Amino acid sequence: ITGGVRYLKYLRALYGGDLHLVLAAYNAGPGAVAKY
């Protein structure tokens, strides 16, 4: 749980709080978000 929560925190900072991008990256990976 700690790892997953910290990953969400990192992704929120990475994408400026955009939940759609945060969740897309959590599911498909930041590489896929960058690619598209």
All heavy atoms as atom14 arrays in JSON, in Angstrom:
{
  "sequence": "ITGGVRYLKYLRALYGGDLHLVLAAYNAGPGAVAKY",
  "atom14_mask": [
    [1, 1, 1, 1, 1, 1, 1, 1, 0, 0, 0, 0, 0, 0],
    [1, 1, 1, 1, 1, 1, 1, 0, 0, 0, 0, 0, 0, 0],
    [1, 1, 1, 1, 0, 0, 0, 0, 0, 0, 0, 0, 0, 0],
    [1, 1, 1, 1, 0, 0, 0, 0, 0, 0, 0, 0, 0, 0],
    [1, 1, 1, 1, 1, 1, 1, 0, 0, 0, 0, 0, 0, 0],
    [1, 1, 1, 1, 1, 1, 1, 1, 1, 1, 1, 0, 0, 0],
    [1, 1, 1, 1, 1, 1, 1, 1, 1, 1, 1, 1, 0, 0],
    [1, 1, 1, 1, 1, 1, 1, 1, 0, 0, 0, 0, 0, 0],
    [1, 1, 1, 1, 1, 1, 1, 1, 1, 0, 0, 0, 0, 0],
    [1, 1, 1, 1, 1, 1, 1, 1, 1, 1, 1, 1, 0, 0],
    [1, 1, 1, 1, 1, 1, 1, 1, 0, 0, 0, 0, 0, 0],
    [1, 1, 1, 1, 1, 1, 1, 1, 1, 1, 1, 0, 0, 0],
    [1, 1, 1, 1, 1, 0, 0, 0, 0, 0, 0, 0, 0, 0],
    [1, 1, 1, 1, 1, 1, 1, 1, 0, 0, 0, 0, 0, 0],
    [1, 1, 1, 1, 1, 1, 1, 1, 1, 1, 1, 1, 0, 0],
    [1, 1, 1, 1, 0, 0, 0, 0, 0, 0, 0, 0, 0, 0],
    [1, 1, 1, 1, 0, 0, 0, 0, 0, 0, 0, 0, 0, 0],
    [1, 1, 1, 1, 1, 1, 1, 1, 0, 0, 0, 0, 0, 0],
    [1, 1, 1, 1, 1, 1, 1, 1, 0, 0, 0, 0, 0, 0],
    [1, 1, 1, 1, 1, 1, 1, 1, 1, 1, 0, 0, 0, 0],
    [1, 1, 1, 1, 1, 1, 1, 1, 0, 0, 0, 0, 0, 0],
    [1, 1, 1, 1, 1, 1, 1, 0, 0, 0, 0, 0, 0, 0],
    [1, 1, 1, 1, 1, 1, 1, 1, 0, 0, 0, 0, 0, 0],
    [1, 1, 1, 1, 1, 0, 0, 0, 0, 0, 0, 0, 0, 0],
    [1, 1, 1, 1, 1, 0, 0, 0, 0, 0, 0, 0, 0, 0],
    [1, 1, 1, 1, 1, 1, 1, 1, 1, 1, 1, 1, 0, 0],
    [1, 1, 1, 1, 1, 1, 1, 1, 0, 0, 0, 0, 0, 0],
    [1, 1, 1, 1, 1, 0, 0, 0, 0, 0, 0, 0, 0, 0],
    [1, 1, 1, 1, 0, 0, 0, 0, 0, 0, 0, 0, 0, 0],
    [1, 1, 1, 1, 1, 1, 1, 0, 0, 0, 0, 0, 0, 0],
    [1, 1, 1, 1, 0, 0, 0, 0, 0, 0, 0, 0, 0, 0],
    [1, 1, 1, 1, 1, 0, 0, 0, 0, 0, 0, 0, 0, 0],
    [1, 1, 1, 1, 1, 1, 1, 0, 0, 0, 0, 0, 0, 0],
    [1, 1, 1, 1, 1, 0, 0, 0, 0, 0, 0, 0, 0, 0],
    [1, 1, 1, 1, 1, 1, 1, 1, 1, 0, 0, 0, 0, 0],
    [1, 1, 1, 1, 1, 1, 1, 1, 1, 1, 1, 1, 0, 0]
  ],
  "atom14_positions": [
    [[0.83, -1.21, 0.0], [0.0, 0.0, 0.0], [0.87, 1.25, 0.0], [0.6, 2.2, -0.75], [-0.96, 0.0, 1.2], [-1.94, -1.17, 1.11], [-1.72, 1.32, 1.29], [-2.78, -1.38, 2.36], [0.0, 0.0, 0.0], [0.0, 0.0, 0.0], [0.0, 0.0, 0.0], [0.0, 0.0, 0.0], [0.0, 0.0, 0.0], [0.0, 0.0, 0.0]],
    [[1.91, 1.25, 0.82], [2.8, 2.42, 0.88], [3.42, 2.69, -0.49], [3.48, 3.83, -0.95], [3.9, 2.21, 1.93], [3.3, 2.06, 3.22], [4.85, 3.4, 1.97], [0.0, 0.0, 0.0], [0.0, 0.0, 0.0], [0.0, 0.0, 0.0], [0.0, 0.0, 0.0], [0.0, 0.0, 0.0], [0.0, 0.0, 0.0], [0.0, 0.0, 0.0]],
    [[3.88, 1.64, -1.16], [4.46, 1.8, -2.49], [3.47, 2.36, -3.48], [3.78, 3.29, -4.24], [0.0, 0.0, 0.0], [0.0, 0.0, 0.0], [0.0, 0.0, 0.0], [0.0, 0.0, 0.0], [0.0, 0.0, 0.0], [0.0, 0.0, 0.0], [0.0, 0.0, 0.0], [0.0, 0.0, 0.0], [0.0, 0.0, 0.0], [0.0, 0.0, 0.0]],
    [[2.25, 1.81, -3.49], [1.24, 2.29, -4.42], [0.83, 3.73, -4.15], [0.66, 4.53, -5.08], [0.0, 0.0, 0.0], [0.0, 0.0, 0.0], [0.0, 0.0, 0.0], [0.0, 0.0, 0.0], [0.0, 0.0, 0.0], [0.0, 0.0, 0.0], [0.0, 0.0, 0.0], [0.0, 0.0, 0.0], [0.0, 0.0, 0.0], [0.0, 0.0, 0.0]],
    [[0.69, 4.07, -2.89], [0.3, 5.44, -2.52], [1.42, 6.43, -2.9], [1.15, 7.52, -3.42], [-0.01, 5.51, -1.01], [-0.07, 6.96, -0.53], [-1.34, 4.8, -0.73], [0.0, 0.0, 0.0], [0.0, 0.0, 0.0], [0.0, 0.0, 0.0], [0.0, 0.0, 0.0], [0.0, 0.0, 0.0], [0.0, 0.0, 0.0], [0.0, 0.0, 0.0]],
    [[2.66, 6.04, -2.66], [3.78, 6.93, -3.03], [3.88, 7.07, -4.55], [4.27, 8.13, -5.06], [5.08, 6.39, -2.44], [5.16, 6.59, -0.94], [6.44, 6.02, -0.35], [6.51, 6.29, 1.09], [7.45, 5.8, 1.9], [8.4, 5.01, 1.4], [7.44, 6.09, 3.18], [0.0, 0.0, 0.0], [0.0, 0.0, 0.0], [0.0, 0.0, 0.0]],
    [[3.52, 6.02, -5.26], [3.52, 6.1, -6.73], [2.44, 7.08, -7.2], [2.69, 7.9, -8.1], [3.28, 4.71, -7.31], [3.51, 4.6, -8.8], [4.52, 5.32, -9.42], [2.75, 3.73, -9.57], [4.76, 5.2, -10.79], [2.97, 3.6, -10.93], [3.98, 4.34, -11.53], [4.19, 4.21, -12.89], [0.0, 0.0, 0.0], [0.0, 0.0, 0.0]],
    [[1.27, 7.02, -6.58], [0.22, 8.0, -6.9], [0.69, 9.42, -6.61], [0.43, 10.34, -7.4], [-1.05, 7.69, -6.1], [-1.9, 6.51, -6.55], [-3.0, 6.24, -5.53], [-2.51, 6.78, -7.93], [0.0, 0.0, 0.0], [0.0, 0.0, 0.0], [0.0, 0.0, 0.0], [0.0, 0.0, 0.0], [0.0, 0.0, 0.0], [0.0, 0.0, 0.0]],
    [[1.38, 9.59, -5.49], [1.89, 10.93, -5.13], [2.88, 11.42, -6.17], [2.85, 12.6, -6.6], [2.54, 10.86, -3.75], [2.99, 12.21, -3.21], [3.49, 12.06, -1.78], [3.86, 13.42, -1.18], [4.28, 13.27, 0.24], [0.0, 0.0, 0.0], [0.0, 0.0, 0.0], [0.0, 0.0, 0.0], [0.0, 0.0, 0.0], [0.0, 0.0, 0.0]],
    [[3.76, 10.54, -6.59], [4.75, 10.89, -7.62], [4.06, 11.26, -8.94], [4.41, 12.27, -9.57], [5.7, 9.72, -7.84], [6.49, 9.8, -9.12], [7.56, 10.68, -9.24], [6.15, 9.0, -10.2], [8.28, 10.77, -10.42], [6.86, 9.08, -11.39], [7.92, 9.97, -11.5], [8.63, 10.05, -12.67], [0.0, 0.0, 0.0], [0.0, 0.0, 0.0]],
    [[3.07, 10.47, -9.34], [2.38, 10.72, -10.61], [1.58, 12.02, -10.56], [1.51, 12.75, -11.56], [1.48, 9.54, -10.96], [2.19, 8.22, -11.27], [1.18, 7.1, -11.45], [3.07, 8.36, -12.53], [0.0, 0.0, 0.0], [0.0, 0.0, 0.0], [0.0, 0.0, 0.0], [0.0, 0.0, 0.0], [0.0, 0.0, 0.0], [0.0, 0.0, 0.0]],
    [[1.0, 12.33, -9.41], [0.25, 13.59, -9.3], [1.2, 14.78, -9.46], [0.85, 15.78, -10.09], [-0.48, 13.68, -7.96], [-1.64, 12.71, -7.83], [-2.71, 13.19, -6.88], [-3.47, 14.31, -7.43], [-4.63, 14.73, -6.95], [-5.17, 14.12, -5.92], [-5.26, 15.73, -7.5], [0.0, 0.0, 0.0], [0.0, 0.0, 0.0], [0.0, 0.0, 0.0]],
    [[2.39, 14.68, -8.91], [3.36, 15.76, -9.07], [3.85, 15.82, -10.52], [4.0, 16.91, -11.1], [4.54, 15.54, -8.12], [0.0, 0.0, 0.0], [0.0, 0.0, 0.0], [0.0, 0.0, 0.0], [0.0, 0.0, 0.0], [0.0, 0.0, 0.0], [0.0, 0.0, 0.0], [0.0, 0.0, 0.0], [0.0, 0.0, 0.0], [0.0, 0.0, 0.0]],
    [[4.06, 14.66, -11.12], [4.56, 14.59, -12.49], [3.59, 15.21, -13.48], [4.01, 15.92, -14.41], [4.81, 13.12, -12.87], [5.35, 12.85, -14.28], [6.73, 13.46, -14.45], [5.39, 11.35, -14.54], [0.0, 0.0, 0.0], [0.0, 0.0, 0.0], [0.0, 0.0, 0.0], [0.0, 0.0, 0.0], [0.0, 0.0, 0.0], [0.0, 0.0, 0.0]],
    [[2.29, 14.98, -13.28], [1.27, 15.44, -14.23], [0.48, 16.64, -13.71], [-0.6, 16.93, -14.23], [0.34, 14.29, -14.59], [1.06, 13.15, -15.27], [1.15, 11.89, -14.66], [1.67, 13.32, -16.51], [1.82, 10.86, -15.27], [2.35, 12.28, -17.12], [2.42, 11.05, -16.5], [3.09, 10.01, -17.11], [0.0, 0.0, 0.0], [0.0, 0.0, 0.0]],
    [[1.02, 17.31, -12.73], [0.38, 18.53, -12.26], [-1.02, 18.34, -11.72], [-1.86, 19.24, -11.81], [0.0, 0.0, 0.0], [0.0, 0.0, 0.0], [0.0, 0.0, 0.0], [0.0, 0.0, 0.0], [0.0, 0.0, 0.0], [0.0, 0.0, 0.0], [0.0, 0.0, 0.0], [0.0, 0.0, 0.0], [0.0, 0.0, 0.0], [0.0, 0.0, 0.0]],
    [[-1.29, 17.15, -11.16], [-2.59, 16.9, -10.56], [-3.67, 16.46, -11.53], [-4.82, 16.27, -11.13], [0.0, 0.0, 0.0], [0.0, 0.0, 0.0], [0.0, 0.0, 0.0], [0.0, 0.0, 0.0], [0.0, 0.0, 0.0], [0.0, 0.0, 0.0], [0.0, 0.0, 0.0], [0.0, 0.0, 0.0], [0.0, 0.0, 0.0], [0.0, 0.0, 0.0]],
    [[-3.34, 16.27, -12.82], [-4.33, 15.82, -13.81], [-4.67, 14.36, -13.55], [-3.88, 13.46, -13.84], [-3.76, 16.0, -15.22], [-4.77, 15.68, -16.32], [-5.58, 14.76, -16.14], [-4.73, 16.36, -17.36], [0.0, 0.0, 0.0], [0.0, 0.0, 0.0], [0.0, 0.0, 0.0], [0.0, 0.0, 0.0], [0.0, 0.0, 0.0], [0.0, 0.0, 0.0]],
    [[-5.85, 14.11, -12.99], [-6.21, 12.75, -12.58], [-6.28, 11.77, -13.74], [-5.95, 10.59, -13.59], [-7.54, 12.76, -11.83], [-7.51, 13.28, -10.39], [-8.89, 13.12, -9.75], [-6.47, 12.54, -9.56], [0.0, 0.0, 0.0], [0.0, 0.0, 0.0], [0.0, 0.0, 0.0], [0.0, 0.0, 0.0], [0.0, 0.0, 0.0], [0.0, 0.0, 0.0]],
    [[-6.73, 12.23, -14.9], [-6.8, 11.33, -16.05], [-5.41, 10.81, -16.41], [-5.22, 9.61, -16.66], [-7.44, 12.03, -17.25], [-8.91, 12.22, -17.11], [-9.45, 13.33, -16.52], [-9.95, 11.44, -17.49], [-10.76, 13.23, -16.53], [-11.09, 12.1, -17.11], [0.0, 0.0, 0.0], [0.0, 0.0, 0.0], [0.0, 0.0, 0.0], [0.0, 0.0, 0.0]],
    [[-4.42, 11.7, -16.41], [-3.06, 11.28, -16.73], [-2.45, 10.45, -15.61], [-1.73, 9.49, -15.86], [-2.19, 12.5, -17.02], [-2.58, 13.33, -18.25], [-1.59, 14.47, -18.46], [-2.67, 12.47, -19.5], [0.0, 0.0, 0.0], [0.0, 0.0, 0.0], [0.0, 0.0, 0.0], [0.0, 0.0, 0.0], [0.0, 0.0, 0.0], [0.0, 0.0, 0.0]],
    [[-2.74, 10.83, -14.37], [-2.25, 10.05, -13.22], [-2.73, 8.61, -13.32], [-1.94, 7.66, -13.19], [-2.72, 10.69, -11.9], [-2.47, 9.75, -10.72], [-2.03, 12.02, -11.66], [0.0, 0.0, 0.0], [0.0, 0.0, 0.0], [0.0, 0.0, 0.0], [0.0, 0.0, 0.0], [0.0, 0.0, 0.0], [0.0, 0.0, 0.0], [0.0, 0.0, 0.0]],
    [[-4.02, 8.44, -13.55], [-4.59, 7.09, -13.6], [-4.15, 6.34, -14.85], [-3.93, 5.13, -14.81], [-6.11, 7.18, -13.52], [-6.65, 7.76, -12.21], [-8.16, 7.95, -12.28], [-6.27, 6.88, -11.02], [0.0, 0.0, 0.0], [0.0, 0.0, 0.0], [0.0, 0.0, 0.0], [0.0, 0.0, 0.0], [0.0, 0.0, 0.0], [0.0, 0.0, 0.0]],
    [[-4.02, 7.05, -15.95], [-3.53, 6.4, -17.18], [-2.13, 5.86, -16.96], [-1.8, 4.74, -17.36], [-3.55, 7.39, -18.34], [0.0, 0.0, 0.0], [0.0, 0.0, 0.0], [0.0, 0.0, 0.0], [0.0, 0.0, 0.0], [0.0, 0.0, 0.0], [0.0, 0.0, 0.0], [0.0, 0.0, 0.0], [0.0, 0.0, 0.0], [0.0, 0.0, 0.0]],
    [[-1.28, 6.65, -16.3], [0.1, 6.22, -16.04], [0.13, 5.08, -15.02], [0.96, 4.16, -15.14], [0.93, 7.4, -15.55], [0.0, 0.0, 0.0], [0.0, 0.0, 0.0], [0.0, 0.0, 0.0], [0.0, 0.0, 0.0], [0.0, 0.0, 0.0], [0.0, 0.0, 0.0], [0.0, 0.0, 0.0], [0.0, 0.0, 0.0], [0.0, 0.0, 0.0]],
    [[-0.73, 5.13, -14.02], [-0.77, 4.05, -13.03], [-1.14, 2.74, -13.7], [-0.59, 1.67, -13.38], [-1.77, 4.38, -11.92], [-1.58, 3.53, -10.68], [-0.87, 4.03, -9.58], [-2.1, 2.25, -10.59], [-0.68, 3.25, -8.45], [-1.92, 1.47, -9.46], [-1.21, 1.96, -8.39], [-1.02, 1.19, -7.27], [0.0, 0.0, 0.0], [0.0, 0.0, 0.0]],
    [[-2.04, 2.8, -14.66], [-2.52, 1.59, -15.34], [-1.6, 1.14, -16.47], [-1.26, -0.03, -16.57], [-3.92, 1.82, -15.87], [-4.45, 0.63, -16.66], [-4.42, 0.65, -17.89], [-4.91, -0.4, -15.96], [0.0, 0.0, 0.0], [0.0, 0.0, 0.0], [0.0, 0.0, 0.0], [0.0, 0.0, 0.0], [0.0, 0.0, 0.0], [0.0, 0.0, 0.0]],
    [[-1.22, 2.07, -17.35], [-0.5, 1.69, -18.57], [0.97, 2.04, -18.53], [1.73, 1.6, -19.39], [-1.16, 2.37, -19.77], [0.0, 0.0, 0.0], [0.0, 0.0, 0.0], [0.0, 0.0, 0.0], [0.0, 0.0, 0.0], [0.0, 0.0, 0.0], [0.0, 0.0, 0.0], [0.0, 0.0, 0.0], [0.0, 0.0, 0.0], [0.0, 0.0, 0.0]],
    [[1.38, 2.85, -17.56], [2.77, 3.25, -17.45], [3.02, 4.64, -18.0], [2.4, 5.03, -19.0], [0.0, 0.0, 0.0], [0.0, 0.0, 0.0], [0.0, 0.0, 0.0], [0.0, 0.0, 0.0], [0.0, 0.0, 0.0], [0.0, 0.0, 0.0], [0.0, 0.0, 0.0], [0.0, 0.0, 0.0], [0.0, 0.0, 0.0], [0.0, 0.0, 0.0]],
    [[3.93, 5.39, -17.38], [4.25, 6.73, -17.87], [4.77, 6.74, -19.3], [4.59, 7.71, -20.03], [5.33, 7.21, -16.88], [5.07, 6.43, -15.63], [4.61, 5.09, -16.11], [0.0, 0.0, 0.0], [0.0, 0.0, 0.0], [0.0, 0.0, 0.0], [0.0, 0.0, 0.0], [0.0, 0.0, 0.0], [0.0, 0.0, 0.0], [0.0, 0.0, 0.0]],
    [[5.42, 5.64, -19.7], [5.92, 5.56, -21.07], [4.81, 5.64, -22.09], [4.96, 6.29, -23.14], [0.0, 0.0, 0.0], [0.0, 0.0, 0.0], [0.0, 0.0, 0.0], [0.0, 0.0, 0.0], [0.0, 0.0, 0.0], [0.0, 0.0, 0.0], [0.0, 0.0, 0.0], [0.0, 0.0, 0.0], [0.0, 0.0, 0.0], [0.0, 0.0, 0.0]],
    [[3.68, 4.99, -21.81], [2.55, 5.02, -22.74], [1.94, 6.41, -22.79], [1.53, 6.89, -23.86], [1.5, 4.0, -22.31], [0.0, 0.0, 0.0], [0.0, 0.0, 0.0], [0.0, 0.0, 0.0], [0.0, 0.0, 0.0], [0.0, 0.0, 0.0], [0.0, 0.0, 0.0], [0.0, 0.0, 0.0], [0.0, 0.0, 0.0], [0.0, 0.0, 0.0]],
    [[1.87, 7.08, -21.64], [1.34, 8.44, -21.6], [2.24, 9.37, -22.4], [1.75, 10.23, -23.16], [1.2, 8.94, -20.15], [0.8, 10.41, -20.11], [0.17, 8.09, -19.4], [0.0, 0.0, 0.0], [0.0, 0.0, 0.0], [0.0, 0.0, 0.0], [0.0, 0.0, 0.0], [0.0, 0.0, 0.0], [0.0, 0.0, 0.0], [0.0, 0.0, 0.0]],
    [[3.56, 9.21, -22.27], [4.49, 10.04, -23.03], [4.39, 9.75, -24.53], [4.4, 10.67, -25.36], [5.92, 9.8, -22.55], [0.0, 0.0, 0.0], [0.0, 0.0, 0.0], [0.0, 0.0, 0.0], [0.0, 0.0, 0.0], [0.0, 0.0, 0.0], [0.0, 0.0, 0.0], [0.0, 0.0, 0.0], [0.0, 0.0, 0.0], [0.0, 0.0, 0.0]],
    [[4.25, 8.49, -24.87], [4.17, 8.09, -26.28], [2.97, 8.72, -26.98], [3.09, 9.2, -28.12], [4.08, 6.56, -26.37], [3.91, 6.03, -27.79], [3.82, 4.51, -27.79], [3.62, 3.96, -29.2], [3.56, 2.48, -29.19], [0.0, 0.0, 0.0], [0.0, 0.0, 0.0], [0.0, 0.0, 0.0], [0.0, 0.0, 0.0], [0.0, 0.0, 0.0]],
    [[1.82, 8.72, -26.31], [0.6, 9.26, -26.92], [0.32, 10.71, -26.52], [-0.69, 11.27, -26.91], [-0.59, 8.36, -26.55], [-0.51, 7.01, -27.23], [-0.05, 5.89, -26.54], [-0.88, 6.85, -28.56], [0.04, 4.65, -27.16], [-0.8, 5.62, -29.18], [-0.34, 4.52, -28.48], [-0.25, 3.3, -29.1], [0.0, 0.0, 0.0], [0.0, 0.0, 0.0]]
  ]
}
